[in-house]
Amino acid sequence: MRPNEVAVVLLAAIILLLVIYYFVTAKGERKRISLVNSEGSKISVDVEIANNTATRTKGLMGRASLGENEGMLFVFDRPGLYSFWMLNTAIPLDGIYFDENGTVVDVIGMAPCGLNVTKCRTYTPKASARYVLEVNQGFSERNKIAVGKSRLETKNL
């Protein structure tokens, strides 16, 4: 290899290591949020906010568990049909999708797929969402979270 080729390879390796480091260490701000269920009762959930590319890409990858009322809230700049997959995720989750006003537009049970990319399906909501809350699977049913009848309080996001 010529010296300029070595320099390019070295620079590419350094950039790759920096990207990996940024991804591995990405953590969102922690907040307590409130949901209002189909019966009008409030449920508090302690969440990590995923509101940038690194935290949204990393999601809950590599986590072994979540507490009863813990999760990750994905916040997008605008509503859209955001698909999720469970690569390198060990926790079965409910994905609760909210529109820009905080109303639940879909709830999807999501199964972990580990590191098997070929068996890792994607989960896409039936309607556009601006927020997606990932919580332990069964949370939605236990807490009576229902499409069109439940909402996320968005005033402090």
C-alpha atoms as a PDB file:
ATOM      1  CA  MET A   1       0.000   0.000   0.000  1.00  0.00           C
ATOM      2  CA  ARG A   2       1.077   3.513  -0.701  1.00  0.00           C
ATOM      3  CA  PRO A   3       1.344   6.029   2.165  1.00  0.00           C
ATOM      4  CA  ASN A   4      -1.776   7.922   1.083  1.00  0.00           C
ATOM      5  CA  GLU A   5      -3.783   4.642   0.980  1.00  0.00           C
ATOM      6  CA  VAL A   6      -2.581   3.770   4.484  1.00  0.00           C
ATOM      7  CA  ALA A   7      -3.653   7.216   5.685  1.00  0.00           C
ATOM      8  CA  VAL A   8      -7.142   6.791   4.173  1.00  0.00           C
ATOM      9  CA  VAL A   9      -7.566   3.338   5.745  1.00  0.00           C
ATOM     10  CA  LEU A  10      -6.359   4.637   9.115  1.00  0.00           C
ATOM     11  CA  LEU A  11      -8.714   7.631   8.966  1.00  0.00           C
ATOM     12  CA  ALA A  12     -11.651   5.372   8.022  1.00  0.00           C
ATOM     13  CA  ALA A  13     -10.842   3.058  10.971  1.00  0.00           C
ATOM     14  CA  ILE A  14     -10.707   5.999  13.390  1.00  0.00           C
ATOM     15  CA  ILE A  15     -14.038   7.343  12.124  1.00  0.00           C
ATOM     16  CA  LEU A  16     -15.603   3.885  12.427  1.00  0.00           C
ATOM     17  CA  LEU A  17     -14.359   3.525  16.011  1.00  0.00           C
ATOM     18  CA  LEU A  18     -15.739   6.957  16.912  1.00  0.00           C
ATOM     19  CA  VAL A  19     -19.139   6.082  15.435  1.00  0.00           C
ATOM     20  CA  ILE A  20     -19.202   2.775  17.335  1.00  0.00           C
ATOM     21  CA  TYR A  21     -18.204   4.521  20.567  1.00  0.00           C
ATOM     22  CA  TYR A  22     -20.906   7.180  20.083  1.00  0.00           C
ATOM     23  CA  PHE A  23     -23.504   4.493  19.396  1.00  0.00           C
ATOM     24  CA  VAL A  24     -22.513   2.293  22.356  1.00  0.00           C
ATOM     25  CA  THR A  25     -22.467   5.181  24.847  1.00  0.00           C
ATOM     26  CA  ALA A  26     -25.628   6.928  23.558  1.00  0.00           C
ATOM     27  CA  LYS A  27     -28.093   7.509  26.380  1.00  0.00           C
ATOM     28  CA  GLY A  28     -31.174   9.676  26.414  1.00  0.00           C
ATOM     29  CA  GLU A  29     -32.454  11.948  29.143  1.00  0.00           C
ATOM     30  CA  ARG A  30     -34.585  10.212  31.790  1.00  0.00           C
ATOM     31  CA  LYS A  31     -38.084  11.535  32.482  1.00  0.00           C
ATOM     32  CA  ARG A  32     -41.298  10.504  34.138  1.00  0.00           C
ATOM     33  CA  ILE A  33     -44.204  10.687  31.714  1.00  0.00           C
ATOM     34  CA  SER A  34     -47.943  10.176  32.156  1.00  0.00           C
ATOM     35  CA  LEU A  35     -50.394   8.151  30.138  1.00  0.00           C
ATOM     36  CA  VAL A  36     -54.152   8.381  30.490  1.00  0.00           C
ATOM     37  CA  ASN A  37     -55.781   4.993  29.961  1.00  0.00           C
ATOM     38  CA  SER A  38     -59.169   4.139  28.430  1.00  0.00           C
ATOM     39  CA  GLU A  39     -60.831   4.566  31.837  1.00  0.00           C
ATOM     40  CA  GLY A  40     -59.308   8.019  32.450  1.00  0.00           C
ATOM     41  CA  SER A  41     -56.756   6.854  35.031  1.00  0.00           C
ATOM     42  CA  LYS A  42     -53.178   8.155  34.929  1.00  0.00           C
ATOM     43  CA  ILE A  43     -50.222   5.820  34.706  1.00  0.00           C
ATOM     44  CA  SER A  44     -46.688   7.089  35.344  1.00  0.00           C
ATOM     45  CA  VAL A  45     -43.811   5.593  33.381  1.00  0.00           C
ATOM     46  CA  ASP A  46     -40.107   6.300  33.881  1.00  0.00           C
ATOM     47  CA  VAL A  47     -38.584   6.536  30.413  1.00  0.00           C
ATOM     48  CA  GLU A  48     -35.371   7.199  28.614  1.00  0.00           C
ATOM     49  CA  ILE A  49     -35.998   9.699  25.819  1.00  0.00           C
ATOM     50  CA  ALA A  50     -34.745   8.669  22.367  1.00  0.00           C
ATOM     51  CA  ASN A  51     -34.898  11.891  20.373  1.00  0.00           C
ATOM     52  CA  ASN A  52     -31.824  11.819  18.145  1.00  0.00           C
ATOM     53  CA  THR A  53     -30.372   9.420  15.591  1.00  0.00           C
ATOM     54  CA  ALA A  54     -27.998   7.661  18.008  1.00  0.00           C
ATOM     55  CA  THR A  55     -30.522   7.048  20.802  1.00  0.00           C
ATOM     56  CA  ARG A  56     -33.295   6.062  18.383  1.00  0.00           C
ATOM     57  CA  THR A  57     -30.982   3.663  16.504  1.00  0.00           C
ATOM     58  CA  LYS A  58     -29.704   2.055  19.688  1.00  0.00           C
ATOM     59  CA  GLY A  59     -33.139   1.843  21.329  1.00  0.00           C
ATOM     60  CA  LEU A  60     -33.259  -0.920  23.922  1.00  0.00           C
ATOM     61  CA  MET A  61     -30.546  -3.028  22.265  1.00  0.00           C
ATOM     62  CA  GLY A  62     -28.444  -4.960  24.722  1.00  0.00           C
ATOM     63  CA  ARG A  63     -30.777  -4.453  27.703  1.00  0.00           C
ATOM     64  CA  ALA A  64     -31.626  -7.552  29.726  1.00  0.00           C
ATOM     65  CA  SER A  65     -34.767  -6.229  31.403  1.00  0.00           C
ATOM     66  CA  LEU A  66     -37.081  -3.295  32.092  1.00  0.00           C
ATOM     67  CA  GLY A  67     -38.848  -2.472  35.339  1.00  0.00           C
ATOM     68  CA  GLU A  68     -42.634  -2.720  35.631  1.00  0.00           C
ATOM     69  CA  ASN A  69     -43.278   0.927  34.711  1.00  0.00           C
ATOM     70  CA  GLU A  70     -40.138   1.684  32.716  1.00  0.00           C
ATOM     71  CA  GLY A  71     -39.594   2.135  29.021  1.00  0.00           C
ATOM     72  CA  MET A  72     -38.149   4.144  26.191  1.00  0.00           C
ATOM     73  CA  LEU A  73     -40.006   6.991  24.515  1.00  0.00           C
ATOM     74  CA  PHE A  74     -39.034   7.635  20.900  1.00  0.00           C
ATOM     75  CA  VAL A  75     -39.703  11.223  19.875  1.00  0.00           C
ATOM     76  CA  PHE A  76     -39.689  12.104  16.182  1.00  0.00           C
ATOM     77  CA  ASP A  77     -39.593  15.562  14.589  1.00  0.00           C
ATOM     78  CA  ARG A  78     -42.756  14.908  12.606  1.00  0.00           C
ATOM     79  CA  PRO A  79     -45.438  12.202  12.352  1.00  0.00           C
ATOM     80  CA  GLY A  80     -44.689   9.223  10.119  1.00  0.00           C
ATOM     81  CA  LEU A  81     -44.970   5.461   9.702  1.00  0.00           C
ATOM     82  CA  TYR A  82     -41.881   4.607  11.751  1.00  0.00           C
ATOM     83  CA  SER A  83     -40.954   0.920  11.644  1.00  0.00           C
ATOM     84  CA  PHE A  84     -39.160  -0.818  14.497  1.00  0.00           C
ATOM     85  CA  TRP A  85     -37.251  -4.062  14.720  1.00  0.00           C
ATOM     86  CA  MET A  86     -35.956  -5.972  17.699  1.00  0.00           C
ATOM     87  CA  LEU A  87     -32.369  -6.686  16.638  1.00  0.00           C
ATOM     88  CA  ASN A  88     -30.141  -7.431  19.657  1.00  0.00           C
ATOM     89  CA  THR A  89     -33.136  -6.950  21.948  1.00  0.00           C
ATOM     90  CA  ALA A  90     -33.893  -9.594  24.575  1.00  0.00           C
ATOM     91  CA  ILE A  91     -37.107  -8.136  26.027  1.00  0.00           C
ATOM     92  CA  PRO A  92     -40.566  -8.823  24.527  1.00  0.00           C
ATOM     93  CA  LEU A  93     -42.122  -5.365  24.172  1.00  0.00           C
ATOM     94  CA  ASP A  94     -45.333  -3.485  23.498  1.00  0.00           C
ATOM     95  CA  GLY A  95     -44.845  -0.639  21.046  1.00  0.00           C
ATOM     96  CA  ILE A  96     -47.458   2.028  21.793  1.00  0.00           C
ATOM     97  CA  TYR A  97     -47.737   4.508  18.919  1.00  0.00           C
ATOM     98  CA  PHE A  98     -49.105   8.028  19.525  1.00  0.00           C
ATOM     99  CA  ASP A  99     -50.056  10.728  17.021  1.00  0.00           C
ATOM    100  CA  GLU A 100     -48.808  14.309  17.349  1.00  0.00           C
ATOM    101  CA  ASN A 101     -51.625  15.085  19.835  1.00  0.00           C
ATOM    102  CA  GLY A 102     -50.678  12.116  22.025  1.00  0.00           C
ATOM    103  CA  THR A 103     -53.636   9.862  21.127  1.00  0.00           C
ATOM    104  CA  VAL A 104     -52.857   6.148  20.806  1.00  0.00           C
ATOM    105  CA  VAL A 105     -53.051   5.116  17.137  1.00  0.00           C
ATOM    106  CA  ASP A 106     -51.698   1.565  17.444  1.00  0.00           C
ATOM    107  CA  VAL A 107     -50.342  -0.970  19.933  1.00  0.00           C
ATOM    108  CA  ILE A 108     -48.062  -3.709  18.613  1.00  0.00           C
ATOM    109  CA  GLY A 109     -46.586  -6.654  20.520  1.00  0.00           C
ATOM    110  CA  MET A 110     -42.971  -7.022  19.419  1.00  0.00           C
ATOM    111  CA  ALA A 111     -40.959 -10.231  19.814  1.00  0.00           C
ATOM    112  CA  PRO A 112     -37.174 -10.141  20.334  1.00  0.00           C
ATOM    113  CA  CYS A 113     -35.016 -11.664  17.612  1.00  0.00           C
ATOM    114  CA  GLY A 114     -31.561 -11.506  19.196  1.00  0.00           C
ATOM    115  CA  LEU A 115     -28.813 -11.123  16.621  1.00  0.00           C
ATOM    116  CA  ASN A 116     -30.493 -13.176  13.882  1.00  0.00           C
ATOM    117  CA  VAL A 117     -31.005 -10.524  11.194  1.00  0.00           C
ATOM    118  CA  THR A 118     -32.770 -12.978   8.855  1.00  0.00           C
ATOM    119  CA  LYS A 119     -35.500 -13.706  11.414  1.00  0.00           C
ATOM    120  CA  CYS A 120     -35.870 -10.144  12.653  1.00  0.00           C
ATOM    121  CA  ARG A 121     -39.158  -8.751  11.391  1.00  0.00           C
ATOM    122  CA  THR A 122     -40.150  -5.102  11.328  1.00  0.00           C
ATOM    123  CA  TYR A 123     -43.174  -3.635  13.074  1.00  0.00           C
ATOM    124  CA  THR A 124     -44.981  -0.754  11.352  1.00  0.00           C
ATOM    125  CA  PRO A 125     -48.030   1.044  12.796  1.00  0.00           C
ATOM    126  CA  LYS A 126     -51.384   1.273  11.009  1.00  0.00           C
ATOM    127  CA  ALA A 127     -51.343   5.077  11.289  1.00  0.00           C
ATOM    128  CA  SER A 128     -48.769   7.878  11.440  1.00  0.00           C
ATOM    129  CA  ALA A 129     -47.174   8.445  14.829  1.00  0.00           C
ATOM    130  CA  ARG A 130     -44.901  11.077  16.328  1.00  0.00           C
ATOM    131  CA  TYR A 131     -44.151   9.239  19.575  1.00  0.00           C
ATOM    132  CA  VAL A 132     -43.562   5.547  20.272  1.00  0.00           C
ATOM    133  CA  LEU A 133     -43.336   4.107  23.773  1.00  0.00           C
ATOM    134  CA  GLU A 134     -41.626   0.749  24.231  1.00  0.00           C
ATOM    135  CA  VAL A 135     -42.592  -1.023  27.461  1.00  0.00           C
ATOM    136  CA  ASN A 136     -42.694  -4.632  28.663  1.00  0.00           C
ATOM    137  CA  GLN A 137     -45.058  -6.796  26.661  1.00  0.00           C
ATOM    138  CA  GLY A 138     -48.465  -6.973  28.360  1.00  0.00           C
ATOM    139  CA  PHE A 139     -48.184  -3.446  29.815  1.00  0.00           C
ATOM    140  CA  SER A 140     -50.867  -2.123  27.445  1.00  0.00           C
ATOM    141  CA  GLU A 141     -53.384  -4.803  28.333  1.00  0.00           C
ATOM    142  CA  ARG A 142     -52.704  -4.620  32.100  1.00  0.00           C
ATOM    143  CA  ASN A 143     -53.066  -0.842  32.085  1.00  0.00           C
ATOM    144  CA  LYS A 144     -56.031  -0.669  29.699  1.00  0.00           C
ATOM    145  CA  ILE A 145     -54.214   1.259  26.969  1.00  0.00           C
ATOM    146  CA  ALA A 146     -56.510   1.295  23.930  1.00  0.00           C
ATOM    147  CA  VAL A 147     -56.337   2.748  20.423  1.00  0.00           C
ATOM    148  CA  GLY A 148     -58.288   6.007  20.211  1.00  0.00           C
ATOM    149  CA  LYS A 149     -59.164   5.938  23.925  1.00  0.00           C
ATOM    150  CA  SER A 150     -55.803   6.433  25.623  1.00  0.00           C
ATOM    151  CA  ARG A 151     -53.251   9.202  25.348  1.00  0.00           C
ATOM    152  CA  LEU A 152     -49.789  10.406  26.218  1.00  0.00           C
ATOM    153  CA  GLU A 153     -49.544  13.713  28.032  1.00  0.00           C
ATOM    154  CA  THR A 154     -47.178  15.603  25.719  1.00  0.00           C
ATOM    155  CA  LYS A 155     -46.991  19.025  27.402  1.00  0.00           C
ATOM    156  CA  ASN A 156     -43.577  18.358  29.038  1.00  0.00           C
ATOM    157  CA  LEU A 157     -41.858  16.596  26.163  1.00  0.00           C
END
